[in-house]
C-alpha atoms as a PDB file:
ATOM      1  CA  GLY A   1       0.000   0.000   0.000  1.00  0.00           C
ATOM      2  CA  ALA A   2       2.657   2.527   0.999  1.00  0.00           C
ATOM      3  CA  ALA A   3       4.757   1.707  -2.050  1.00  0.00           C
ATOM      4  CA  GLN A   4       1.729   2.207  -4.304  1.00  0.00           C
ATOM      5  CA  CYS A   5       1.050   5.599  -2.701  1.00  0.00           C
ATOM      6  CA  LEU A   6       4.640   6.707  -3.274  1.00  0.00           C
ATOM      7  CA  GLN A   7       4.464   5.449  -6.853  1.00  0.00           C
ATOM      8  CA  SER A   8       1.205   7.343  -7.424  1.00  0.00           C
ATOM      9  CA  LEU A   9       2.641  10.538  -5.947  1.00  0.00           C
ATOM     10  CA  GLY A  10       5.654  10.204  -8.231  1.00  0.00           C
ATOM     11  CA  ASN A  11       3.389   9.900 -11.259  1.00  0.00           C
ATOM     12  CA  ILE A  12       1.187  12.953 -10.580  1.00  0.00           C
ATOM     13  CA  PRO A  13       1.581  15.356 -13.532  1.00  0.00           C
ATOM     14  CA  GLY A  14       2.274  18.391 -11.311  1.00  0.00           C
ATOM     15  CA  MET A  15       5.126  16.510  -9.696  1.00  0.00           C
ATOM     16  CA  GLN A  16       6.906  16.129 -13.025  1.00  0.00           C
ATOM     17  CA  ASP A  17       8.363  19.638 -12.637  1.00  0.00           C
ATOM     18  CA  ARG A  18       9.832  18.661  -9.267  1.00  0.00           C
ATOM     19  CA  TYR A  19      12.173  16.037 -10.667  1.00  0.00           C
ATOM     20  CA  SER A  20      14.359  15.466  -7.617  1.00  0.00           C
ATOM     21  CA  GLU A  21      11.445  15.033  -5.224  1.00  0.00           C
ATOM     22  CA  THR A  22       9.595  12.813  -7.685  1.00  0.00           C
ATOM     23  CA  ALA A  23      12.675  10.660  -8.298  1.00  0.00           C
ATOM     24  CA  ASP A  24      13.188  10.214  -4.549  1.00  0.00           C
ATOM     25  CA  MET A  25       9.588   9.026  -4.141  1.00  0.00           C
ATOM     26  CA  LEU A  26       9.913   6.603  -7.031  1.00  0.00           C
ATOM     27  CA  ILE A  27      13.238   5.210  -5.776  1.00  0.00           C
ATOM     28  CA  ASN A  28      11.674   4.690  -2.349  1.00  0.00           C
ATOM     29  CA  ALA A  29       8.627   3.028  -3.897  1.00  0.00           C
ATOM     30  CA  GLN A  30      10.821   0.829  -6.106  1.00  0.00           C
ATOM     31  CA  ARG A  31      12.793  -0.385  -3.077  1.00  0.00           C
ATOM     32  CA  GLN A  32       9.595  -1.170  -1.202  1.00  0.00           C
ATOM     33  CA  PHE A  33       8.153  -3.059  -4.180  1.00  0.00           C
ATOM     34  CA  GLU A  34      11.384  -5.074  -4.459  1.00  0.00           C
ATOM     35  CA  LYS A  35      11.313  -5.789  -0.723  1.00  0.00           C
ATOM     36  CA  ILE A  36       7.824  -7.316  -0.943  1.00  0.00           C
ATOM     37  CA  GLY A  37       8.572  -9.128  -4.214  1.00  0.00           C
ATOM     38  CA  ASP A  38       6.298  -7.005  -6.413  1.00  0.00           C
ATOM     39  CA  GLN A  39       8.257  -7.150  -9.670  1.00  0.00           C
ATOM     40  CA  LEU A  40       5.619  -5.275 -11.664  1.00  0.00           C
ATOM     41  CA  GLY A  41       5.538  -2.328  -9.251  1.00  0.00           C
ATOM     42  CA  ALA A  42       9.348  -2.181  -9.171  1.00  0.00           C
ATOM     43  CA  ALA A  43       9.543  -2.255 -12.985  1.00  0.00           C
ATOM     44  CA  GLN A  44       6.927   0.501 -13.284  1.00  0.00           C
ATOM     45  CA  CYS A  45       8.902   2.701 -10.881  1.00  0.00           C
ATOM     46  CA  LEU A  46      12.091   2.084 -12.844  1.00  0.00           C
ATOM     47  CA  GLN A  47      10.290   2.974 -16.089  1.00  0.00           C
ATOM     48  CA  SER A  48       8.995   6.218 -14.544  1.00  0.00           C
ATOM     49  CA  LEU A  49      12.463   7.067 -13.208  1.00  0.00           C
ATOM     50  CA  GLY A  50      13.910   6.548 -16.670  1.00  0.00           C
ATOM     51  CA  ASP A  51      11.257   8.779 -18.179  1.00  0.00           C
ATOM     52  CA  ILE A  52      12.071  11.512 -15.630  1.00  0.00           C
ATOM     53  CA  HIS A  53      15.741  11.322 -16.646  1.00  0.00           C
ATOM     54  CA  ARG A  54      14.665  11.530 -20.313  1.00  0.00           C
ATOM     55  CA  MET A  55      12.687  14.718 -19.587  1.00  0.00           C
ATOM     56  CA  GLN A  56      15.818  16.166 -17.971  1.00  0.00           C
ATOM     57  CA  ALA A  57      17.913  15.241 -21.044  1.00  0.00           C
ATOM     58  CA  LYS A  58      19.944  12.746 -18.971  1.00  0.00           C
ATOM     59  CA  TYR A  59      19.771  10.283 -21.823  1.00  0.00           C
ATOM     60  CA  SER A  60      22.398   7.761 -20.751  1.00  0.00           C
ATOM     61  CA  GLU A  61      20.860   7.273 -17.302  1.00  0.00           C
ATOM     62  CA  ALA A  62      17.385   7.232 -18.823  1.00  0.00           C
ATOM     63  CA  ALA A  63      18.313   4.556 -21.359  1.00  0.00           C
ATOM     64  CA  ASP A  64      19.902   2.363 -18.673  1.00  0.00           C
ATOM     65  CA  MET A  65      16.851   2.559 -16.422  1.00  0.00           C
ATOM     66  CA  VAL A  66      14.313   2.045 -19.190  1.00  0.00           C
ATOM     67  CA  SER A  67      16.314  -0.866 -20.644  1.00  0.00           C
ATOM     68  CA  ASN A  68      16.381  -2.458 -17.201  1.00  0.00           C
ATOM     69  CA  ALA A  69      12.631  -1.905 -16.805  1.00  0.00           C
ATOM     70  CA  HIS A  70      12.076  -3.390 -20.283  1.00  0.00           C
ATOM     71  CA  SER A  71      13.962  -6.541 -19.271  1.00  0.00           C
ATOM     72  CA  GLN A  72      11.891  -6.821 -16.110  1.00  0.00           C
ATOM     73  CA  PHE A  73       8.603  -6.364 -17.991  1.00  0.00           C
ATOM     74  CA  GLU A  74       9.674  -9.024 -20.503  1.00  0.00           C
ATOM     75  CA  LYS A  75      10.610 -11.384 -17.664  1.00  0.00           C
ATOM     76  CA  ILE A  76       7.195 -11.103 -16.015  1.00  0.00           C
ATOM     77  CA  GLY A  77       5.289 -11.115 -19.313  1.00  0.00           C
ATOM     78  CA  ASP A  78       3.922  -7.557 -19.172  1.00  0.00           C
ATOM     79  CA  GLN A  79       3.587  -6.764 -22.877  1.00  0.00           C
ATOM     80  CA  LEU A  80       2.240  -3.234 -22.370  1.00  0.00           C
ATOM     81  CA  GLY A  81       5.091  -2.239 -20.062  1.00  0.00           C
ATOM     82  CA  ALA A  82       7.642  -3.738 -22.457  1.00  0.00           C
ATOM     83  CA  ALA A  83       6.133  -1.862 -25.425  1.00  0.00           C
ATOM     84  CA  GLN A  84       6.085   1.414 -23.477  1.00  0.00           C
ATOM     85  CA  CYS A  85       9.764   0.970 -22.628  1.00  0.00           C
ATOM     86  CA  LEU A  86      10.625   0.425 -26.295  1.00  0.00           C
ATOM     87  CA  GLN A  87       8.676   3.587 -27.110  1.00  0.00           C
ATOM     88  CA  ILE A  88      10.587   5.598 -24.492  1.00  0.00           C
ATOM     89  CA  LEU A  89      13.903   4.171 -25.740  1.00  0.00           C
ATOM     90  CA  GLY A  90      12.883   5.257 -29.240  1.00  0.00           C
ATOM     91  CA  TYR A  91      12.259   8.787 -27.957  1.00  0.00           C
ATOM     92  CA  ILE A  92      15.647   8.798 -26.213  1.00  0.00           C
ATOM     93  CA  HIS A  93      17.475   7.698 -29.373  1.00  0.00           C
ATOM     94  CA  ARG A  94      15.584  10.308 -31.419  1.00  0.00           C
ATOM     95  CA  MET A  95      16.621  13.068 -29.004  1.00  0.00           C
ATOM     96  CA  GLN A  96      20.230  11.895 -29.358  1.00  0.00           C
ATOM     97  CA  GLY A  97      19.986  12.079 -33.155  1.00  0.00           C
ATOM     98  CA  ARG A  98      20.286   8.288 -33.455  1.00  0.00           C
ATOM     99  CA  TYR A  99      17.423   8.075 -35.934  1.00  0.00           C
ATOM    100  CA  SER A 100      18.024   4.531 -37.161  1.00  0.00           C
ATOM    101  CA  ASP A 101      18.023   3.134 -33.611  1.00  0.00           C
ATOM    102  CA  ALA A 102      14.998   5.264 -32.764  1.00  0.00           C
ATOM    103  CA  ALA A 103      13.084   3.994 -35.791  1.00  0.00           C
ATOM    104  CA  ASP A 104      13.908   0.376 -34.908  1.00  0.00           C
ATOM    105  CA  MET A 105      12.681   0.804 -31.325  1.00  0.00           C
ATOM    106  CA  LEU A 106       9.543   2.679 -32.355  1.00  0.00           C
ATOM    107  CA  SER A 107       8.670   0.175 -35.094  1.00  0.00           C
ATOM    108  CA  ASN A 108       9.060  -2.660 -32.608  1.00  0.00           C
ATOM    109  CA  ALA A 109       6.951  -0.790 -30.038  1.00  0.00           C
ATOM    110  CA  GLN A 110       4.289  -0.002 -32.637  1.00  0.00           C
ATOM    111  CA  SER A 111       3.904  -3.647 -33.643  1.00  0.00           C
ATOM    112  CA  ARG A 112       3.718  -4.698 -29.991  1.00  0.00           C
ATOM    113  CA  PHE A 113       1.082  -2.066 -29.247  1.00  0.00           C
ATOM    114  CA  GLU A 114      -0.931  -3.250 -32.247  1.00  0.00           C
ATOM    115  CA  LYS A 115      -0.586  -6.875 -31.134  1.00  0.00           C
ATOM    116  CA  ILE A 116      -2.120  -6.110 -27.727  1.00  0.00           C
ATOM    117  CA  GLY A 117      -4.731  -3.695 -29.103  1.00  0.00           C
ATOM    118  CA  HIS A 118      -3.262  -0.516 -27.597  1.00  0.00           C
ATOM    119  CA  GLN A 119      -4.267   1.907 -30.360  1.00  0.00           C
ATOM    120  CA  LEU A 120      -2.999   5.065 -28.674  1.00  0.00           C
ATOM    121  CA  GLY A 121       0.518   3.682 -28.247  1.00  0.00           C
ATOM    122  CA  ALA A 122       0.564   2.468 -31.855  1.00  0.00           C
ATOM    123  CA  ALA A 123      -0.570   5.886 -33.126  1.00  0.00           C
ATOM    124  CA  GLN A 124       2.040   7.688 -31.009  1.00  0.00           C
ATOM    125  CA  CYS A 125       4.775   5.452 -32.427  1.00  0.00           C
ATOM    126  CA  LEU A 126       3.587   6.096 -35.984  1.00  0.00           C
ATOM    127  CA  GLN A 127       3.610   9.827 -35.312  1.00  0.00           C
ATOM    128  CA  SER A 128       7.170   9.651 -33.960  1.00  0.00           C
ATOM    129  CA  LEU A 129       8.290   7.535 -36.908  1.00  0.00           C
ATOM    130  CA  GLY A 130       6.774  10.114 -39.256  1.00  0.00           C
ATOM    131  CA  ASN A 131       8.627  12.891 -37.461  1.00  0.00           C
ATOM    132  CA  ILE A 132      11.902  10.959 -37.732  1.00  0.00           C
ATOM    133  CA  HIS A 133      11.417  10.564 -41.488  1.00  0.00           C
ATOM    134  CA  ARG A 134      10.635  14.297 -41.740  1.00  0.00           C
ATOM    135  CA  MET A 135      13.840  15.169 -39.853  1.00  0.00           C
ATOM    136  CA  GLN A 136      15.773  12.972 -42.276  1.00  0.00           C
ATOM    137  CA  GLY A 137      14.247  14.725 -45.297  1.00  0.00           C
ATOM    138  CA  ARG A 138      12.216  11.669 -46.285  1.00  0.00           C
ATOM    139  CA  TYR A 139       9.069  13.719 -46.779  1.00  0.00           C
ATOM    140  CA  SER A 140       6.950  11.242 -48.731  1.00  0.00           C
ATOM    141  CA  GLU A 141       7.371   8.515 -46.091  1.00  0.00           C
ATOM    142  CA  ALA A 142       6.839  11.087 -43.350  1.00  0.00           C
ATOM    143  CA  ALA A 143       3.582  12.281 -44.905  1.00  0.00           C
ATOM    144  CA  ASP A 144       2.276   8.712 -45.232  1.00  0.00           C
ATOM    145  CA  MET A 145       3.076   7.856 -41.626  1.00  0.00           C
ATOM    146  CA  LEU A 146       1.734  11.101 -40.218  1.00  0.00           C
ATOM    147  CA  SER A 147      -1.495  10.753 -42.219  1.00  0.00           C
ATOM    148  CA  ASN A 148      -1.883   7.203 -40.941  1.00  0.00           C
ATOM    149  CA  ALA A 149      -1.189   8.332 -37.367  1.00  0.00           C
ATOM    150  CA  GLN A 150      -3.713  11.160 -37.743  1.00  0.00           C
ATOM    151  CA  ARG A 151      -6.397   8.698 -38.878  1.00  0.00           C
ATOM    152  CA  GLN A 152      -5.632   6.435 -35.930  1.00  0.00           C
ATOM    153  CA  PHE A 153      -5.817   9.310 -33.453  1.00  0.00           C
ATOM    154  CA  GLU A 154      -9.155  10.405 -34.942  1.00  0.00           C
ATOM    155  CA  LYS A 155     -10.448   6.826 -34.799  1.00  0.00           C
ATOM    156  CA  ILE A 156      -9.865   6.680 -31.037  1.00  0.00           C
ATOM    157  CA  GLY A 157     -11.166  10.208 -30.449  1.00  0.00           C
ATOM    158  CA  ASP A 158      -7.818  11.840 -29.676  1.00  0.00           C
ATOM    159  CA  GLN A 159      -8.259  15.208 -31.388  1.00  0.00           C
ATOM    160  CA  LEU A 160      -5.101  16.695 -29.881  1.00  0.00           C
ATOM    161  CA  GLY A 161      -3.023  13.777 -31.160  1.00  0.00           C
ATOM    162  CA  ALA A 162      -4.616  14.158 -34.595  1.00  0.00           C
ATOM    163  CA  ALA A 163      -3.928  17.904 -34.630  1.00  0.00           C
ATOM    164  CA  ARG A 164      -0.242  17.302 -33.826  1.00  0.00           C
ATOM    165  CA  CYS A 165       0.145  15.276 -37.006  1.00  0.00           C
END
């Protein structure tokens, strides 16, 4: 219970601007989850910690944490968590200008999201892939992917996602 409360506090949107405090809560929650043998809770905390490091442009630390979380999600069979980690790793590689690695991660994440029926995740990956192609000057491929992503966002009622395409 206490670990879940700390995890929830660390994931509150307003807390995202208070990185140090949020990270401390998530580290504490992760330790408590590990202590009681809750592998899923520990992996989710690690994923959130990695995402916090990504938002702070601490890409190496972020990639290590998210890769570790990905391994844990795979080990326990959590397909959604594993796909989300691949998506975050794709974002990290994109921010580092490693477009080929980013595209590989995002394509893998997209297919996993589609496999489990997570339409939002699949659309977000398509959008990111389209943006990568645009940054590489591959405008025709970018337009196709972004149009496809826009249709998927509209299909699930995400008007903001559609507008960003």
